[in-house]
């Protein structure tokens, strides 16, 4: 399933320069952890000094948070079971990355 990943800009410059959406192929066997890894490896996320942890939502459910490098010991925090199938949580075709 092809999903649209949408993120909020971390600053005005990011808002005008960086891509704020990305298409990702979500395979049937992808776990929540696989989803986090694939988006992290795409180098799509941007951070700033004041915006250094971003939260990930799908279909009204908070899935996980991703910190900037060097923040929170680089640990992704999961709010749902990280080994759960991503397709169980991504009911629509989009995932949103939002600042808290």
N, C-alpha and C. Protein backbone atom coordinates (compact mmCIF):
# COMPACT_ATOMS: atom_id res chain seq x y z
N UNK A 1 0.86 -1.17 0.00
CA UNK A 1 0.00 0.00 0.00
C UNK A 1 0.90 1.23 0.00
N UNK A 2 0.62 2.18 -0.84
CA UNK A 2 1.36 3.42 -0.91
C UNK A 2 0.71 4.42 0.04
N UNK A 3 1.50 4.97 0.97
CA UNK A 3 0.96 5.95 1.91
C UNK A 3 1.66 7.29 1.73
N UNK A 4 0.96 8.33 2.07
CA UNK A 4 1.50 9.68 2.02
C UNK A 4 1.92 10.07 3.44
N UNK A 5 3.19 10.38 3.61
CA UNK A 5 3.72 10.81 4.89
C UNK A 5 3.78 12.33 4.86
N UNK A 6 3.12 12.96 5.79
CA UNK A 6 3.04 14.42 5.85
C UNK A 6 3.69 14.87 7.15
N UNK A 7 4.53 15.90 7.08
CA UNK A 7 5.15 16.41 8.30
C UNK A 7 4.98 17.91 8.39
N UNK A 8 4.93 18.39 9.64
CA UNK A 8 4.92 19.82 9.88
C UNK A 8 6.35 20.33 9.72
N UNK A 9 6.47 21.57 9.26
CA UNK A 9 7.78 22.18 9.15
C UNK A 9 8.31 22.51 10.54
N UNK A 10 9.62 22.45 10.70
CA UNK A 10 10.23 22.77 12.00
C UNK A 10 10.56 24.25 12.13
N UNK A 11 10.55 24.99 11.00
CA UNK A 11 10.83 26.42 11.03
C UNK A 11 10.36 27.03 9.71
N UNK A 12 10.39 28.34 9.62
CA UNK A 12 9.91 29.02 8.40
C UNK A 12 10.73 28.63 7.18
N UNK A 13 12.02 28.49 7.32
CA UNK A 13 12.86 28.12 6.18
C UNK A 13 12.51 26.71 5.69
N UNK A 14 12.31 25.79 6.62
CA UNK A 14 11.92 24.43 6.27
C UNK A 14 10.58 24.42 5.55
N UNK A 15 9.68 25.29 6.01
CA UNK A 15 8.35 25.39 5.40
C UNK A 15 8.44 25.76 3.92
N UNK A 16 9.40 26.60 3.56
CA UNK A 16 9.49 27.05 2.18
C UNK A 16 10.47 26.23 1.34
N UNK A 17 11.42 25.54 1.96
CA UNK A 17 12.44 24.82 1.20
C UNK A 17 12.27 23.30 1.18
N UNK A 18 11.95 22.74 2.30
CA UNK A 18 11.93 21.28 2.40
C UNK A 18 10.64 20.66 1.92
N UNK A 19 10.73 19.44 1.39
CA UNK A 19 9.48 18.74 1.06
C UNK A 19 8.75 18.38 2.35
N UNK A 20 7.46 18.61 2.38
CA UNK A 20 6.67 18.32 3.57
C UNK A 20 5.82 17.06 3.41
N UNK A 21 5.98 16.38 2.28
CA UNK A 21 5.30 15.09 2.11
C UNK A 21 6.21 14.14 1.36
N UNK A 22 5.96 12.87 1.58
CA UNK A 22 6.77 11.81 1.01
C UNK A 22 5.87 10.60 0.80
N UNK A 23 6.00 9.93 -0.31
CA UNK A 23 5.26 8.69 -0.54
C UNK A 23 6.14 7.51 -0.14
N UNK A 24 5.57 6.60 0.63
CA UNK A 24 6.29 5.42 1.12
C UNK A 24 5.46 4.19 0.81
N UNK A 25 6.13 3.15 0.36
CA UNK A 25 5.44 1.88 0.13
C UNK A 25 5.38 1.12 1.45
N UNK A 26 4.18 0.90 1.95
CA UNK A 26 3.97 0.19 3.20
C UNK A 26 3.66 -1.27 2.85
N UNK A 27 4.61 -2.14 3.09
CA UNK A 27 4.43 -3.56 2.77
C UNK A 27 3.52 -4.20 3.81
N UNK A 28 2.84 -5.26 3.42
CA UNK A 28 1.87 -5.92 4.30
C UNK A 28 2.47 -6.38 5.62
N UNK A 29 3.73 -6.81 5.60
CA UNK A 29 4.35 -7.35 6.81
C UNK A 29 5.12 -6.30 7.61
N UNK A 30 5.05 -5.03 7.23
CA UNK A 30 5.75 -3.96 7.95
C UNK A 30 5.17 -3.82 9.36
N UNK A 31 6.06 -3.76 10.32
CA UNK A 31 5.65 -3.47 11.70
C UNK A 31 5.72 -1.96 11.91
N UNK A 32 5.23 -1.51 13.05
CA UNK A 32 5.34 -0.10 13.41
C UNK A 32 6.82 0.30 13.43
N UNK A 33 7.66 -0.57 13.95
CA UNK A 33 9.09 -0.30 13.99
C UNK A 33 9.68 -0.20 12.58
N UNK A 34 9.24 -1.03 11.66
CA UNK A 34 9.70 -0.95 10.27
C UNK A 34 9.29 0.38 9.64
N UNK A 35 8.08 0.83 9.95
CA UNK A 35 7.60 2.11 9.43
C UNK A 35 8.48 3.25 9.95
N UNK A 36 8.77 3.25 11.24
CA UNK A 36 9.63 4.29 11.82
C UNK A 36 11.01 4.27 11.17
N UNK A 37 11.56 3.10 10.99
CA UNK A 37 12.88 2.96 10.40
C UNK A 37 12.91 3.44 8.95
N UNK A 38 11.91 3.06 8.18
CA UNK A 38 11.91 3.43 6.75
C UNK A 38 11.81 4.94 6.56
N UNK A 39 11.04 5.60 7.38
CA UNK A 39 10.91 7.06 7.25
C UNK A 39 12.16 7.74 7.79
N UNK A 40 12.72 7.22 8.87
CA UNK A 40 13.96 7.77 9.39
C UNK A 40 15.10 7.65 8.39
N UNK A 41 15.18 6.53 7.70
CA UNK A 41 16.24 6.31 6.72
C UNK A 41 16.05 7.12 5.45
N UNK A 42 14.84 7.63 5.21
CA UNK A 42 14.57 8.44 4.02
C UNK A 42 15.13 9.85 4.14
N UNK A 43 15.64 10.21 5.33
CA UNK A 43 16.19 11.55 5.59
C UNK A 43 15.19 12.64 5.25
N UNK A 44 13.95 12.37 5.57
CA UNK A 44 12.83 13.26 5.29
C UNK A 44 12.57 14.23 6.43
N UNK A 45 12.85 13.81 7.65
CA UNK A 45 12.54 14.62 8.82
C UNK A 45 13.57 15.71 9.02
N UNK A 46 13.11 16.87 9.47
CA UNK A 46 13.98 18.00 9.80
C UNK A 46 13.70 18.41 11.23
N UNK A 47 14.72 18.84 11.93
CA UNK A 47 14.59 19.25 13.32
C UNK A 47 15.25 20.62 13.50
N UNK A 48 14.93 21.28 14.59
CA UNK A 48 15.57 22.54 14.95
C UNK A 48 15.84 22.52 16.45
N UNK A 49 16.46 23.56 16.95
CA UNK A 49 16.75 23.63 18.38
C UNK A 49 15.52 23.57 19.26
N UNK A 50 14.44 24.16 18.80
CA UNK A 50 13.21 24.17 19.59
C UNK A 50 12.26 23.04 19.21
N UNK A 51 12.48 22.42 18.09
CA UNK A 51 11.64 21.31 17.62
C UNK A 51 12.54 20.09 17.43
N UNK A 52 12.69 19.31 18.51
CA UNK A 52 13.64 18.20 18.42
C UNK A 52 13.05 16.81 18.68
N UNK A 53 11.76 16.74 18.92
CA UNK A 53 11.07 15.44 19.00
C UNK A 53 9.75 15.59 18.24
N UNK A 54 9.53 14.73 17.26
CA UNK A 54 8.31 14.80 16.46
C UNK A 54 7.46 13.55 16.73
N UNK A 55 6.14 13.74 16.77
CA UNK A 55 5.21 12.66 17.08
C UNK A 55 4.49 12.21 15.81
N UNK A 56 4.27 10.92 15.74
CA UNK A 56 3.71 10.30 14.54
C UNK A 56 2.31 9.77 14.83
N UNK A 57 1.37 10.18 13.98
CA UNK A 57 -0.03 9.81 14.14
C UNK A 57 -0.55 9.15 12.86
N UNK A 58 -1.47 8.21 13.03
CA UNK A 58 -2.18 7.62 11.90
C UNK A 58 -3.60 7.30 12.36
N UNK A 59 -4.56 7.74 11.60
CA UNK A 59 -5.97 7.45 11.88
C UNK A 59 -6.35 7.80 13.33
N UNK A 60 -5.84 8.92 13.83
CA UNK A 60 -6.18 9.37 15.16
C UNK A 60 -5.44 8.70 16.31
N UNK A 61 -4.48 7.85 16.02
CA UNK A 61 -3.71 7.15 17.04
C UNK A 61 -2.26 7.61 17.02
N UNK A 62 -1.74 7.98 18.19
CA UNK A 62 -0.33 8.34 18.30
C UNK A 62 0.47 7.04 18.29
N UNK A 63 1.37 6.91 17.31
CA UNK A 63 2.12 5.67 17.14
C UNK A 63 3.48 5.69 17.83
N UNK A 64 4.28 6.72 17.56
CA UNK A 64 5.62 6.79 18.12
C UNK A 64 6.14 8.21 17.99
N UNK A 65 7.27 8.47 18.64
CA UNK A 65 7.96 9.75 18.50
C UNK A 65 9.38 9.48 18.06
N UNK A 66 9.92 10.40 17.28
CA UNK A 66 11.30 10.28 16.79
C UNK A 66 12.06 11.53 17.25
N UNK A 67 13.20 11.34 17.93
CA UNK A 67 13.98 12.49 18.36
C UNK A 67 15.03 12.86 17.31
N UNK A 68 15.50 14.11 17.39
CA UNK A 68 16.65 14.51 16.59
C UNK A 68 17.86 13.75 17.11
N UNK A 69 18.89 13.63 16.28
CA UNK A 69 20.11 12.96 16.72
C UNK A 69 20.66 13.65 17.96
N UNK A 70 21.03 12.86 18.94
CA UNK A 70 21.60 13.39 20.16
C UNK A 70 20.57 13.76 21.22
N UNK A 71 19.30 13.63 20.91
CA UNK A 71 18.23 13.95 21.86
C UNK A 71 17.62 12.64 22.36
N UNK A 72 17.33 12.58 23.64
CA UNK A 72 16.65 11.42 24.22
C UNK A 72 17.41 10.12 23.94
N UNK A 73 18.75 10.19 23.94
CA UNK A 73 19.60 9.03 23.64
C UNK A 73 19.26 8.37 22.30
N UNK A 74 18.71 9.15 21.38
CA UNK A 74 18.32 8.67 20.04
C UNK A 74 17.27 7.57 20.08
N UNK A 75 16.53 7.48 21.18
CA UNK A 75 15.52 6.42 21.33
C UNK A 75 14.17 6.85 20.78
N UNK A 76 13.63 6.01 19.92
CA UNK A 76 12.26 6.19 19.45
C UNK A 76 11.35 5.68 20.56
N UNK A 77 10.34 6.49 20.91
CA UNK A 77 9.37 6.07 21.93
C UNK A 77 8.11 5.57 21.24
N UNK A 78 7.69 4.36 21.56
CA UNK A 78 6.51 3.76 20.95
C UNK A 78 5.31 3.88 21.89
N UNK A 79 4.17 4.26 21.34
CA UNK A 79 2.94 4.37 22.12
C UNK A 79 1.98 3.22 21.81
N UNK A 80 2.33 2.43 20.82
CA UNK A 80 1.62 1.19 20.49
C UNK A 80 2.70 0.11 20.40
N UNK A 81 2.30 -1.13 20.34
CA UNK A 81 3.26 -2.23 20.25
C UNK A 81 4.10 -2.10 18.98
N UNK A 82 5.41 -1.97 19.13
CA UNK A 82 6.28 -1.72 17.98
C UNK A 82 6.36 -2.90 17.02
N UNK A 83 5.98 -4.09 17.48
CA UNK A 83 5.98 -5.25 16.59
C UNK A 83 4.61 -5.48 15.95
N UNK A 84 3.64 -4.61 16.25
CA UNK A 84 2.32 -4.70 15.64
C UNK A 84 2.39 -4.33 14.16
N UNK A 85 1.50 -4.88 13.38
CA UNK A 85 1.48 -4.58 11.95
C UNK A 85 1.05 -3.14 11.71
N UNK A 86 1.84 -2.43 10.94
CA UNK A 86 1.56 -1.02 10.65
C UNK A 86 0.21 -0.86 9.97
N UNK A 87 -0.16 -1.79 9.11
CA UNK A 87 -1.43 -1.68 8.39
C UNK A 87 -2.63 -1.73 9.34
N UNK A 88 -2.45 -2.27 10.52
CA UNK A 88 -3.53 -2.29 11.51
C UNK A 88 -3.83 -0.90 12.04
N UNK A 89 -2.85 -0.02 11.98
CA UNK A 89 -2.99 1.33 12.51
C UNK A 89 -3.20 2.38 11.43
N UNK A 90 -2.66 2.14 10.25
CA UNK A 90 -2.78 3.09 9.14
C UNK A 90 -4.03 2.72 8.35
N UNK A 91 -5.16 3.29 8.75
CA UNK A 91 -6.44 2.95 8.12
C UNK A 91 -6.65 3.72 6.82
N UNK A 92 -6.21 4.95 6.78
CA UNK A 92 -6.27 5.74 5.56
C UNK A 92 -4.97 5.56 4.81
N UNK A 93 -4.68 6.44 3.93
CA UNK A 93 -3.44 6.35 3.18
C UNK A 93 -2.45 7.41 3.60
N UNK A 94 -2.51 7.84 4.88
CA UNK A 94 -1.57 8.88 5.31
C UNK A 94 -1.13 8.68 6.75
N UNK A 95 0.06 9.20 7.01
CA UNK A 95 0.66 9.22 8.34
C UNK A 95 1.12 10.66 8.54
N UNK A 96 0.86 11.22 9.74
CA UNK A 96 1.23 12.60 9.99
C UNK A 96 2.30 12.70 11.08
N UNK A 97 3.29 13.54 10.81
CA UNK A 97 4.35 13.84 11.78
C UNK A 97 4.08 15.24 12.29
N UNK A 98 3.79 15.36 13.59
CA UNK A 98 3.38 16.62 14.18
C UNK A 98 4.23 16.97 15.39
N UNK A 99 4.49 18.25 15.58
CA UNK A 99 5.20 18.73 16.76
C UNK A 99 4.23 18.80 17.92
N UNK A 100 4.71 18.44 19.10
CA UNK A 100 3.86 18.49 20.29
C UNK A 100 3.74 19.90 20.80
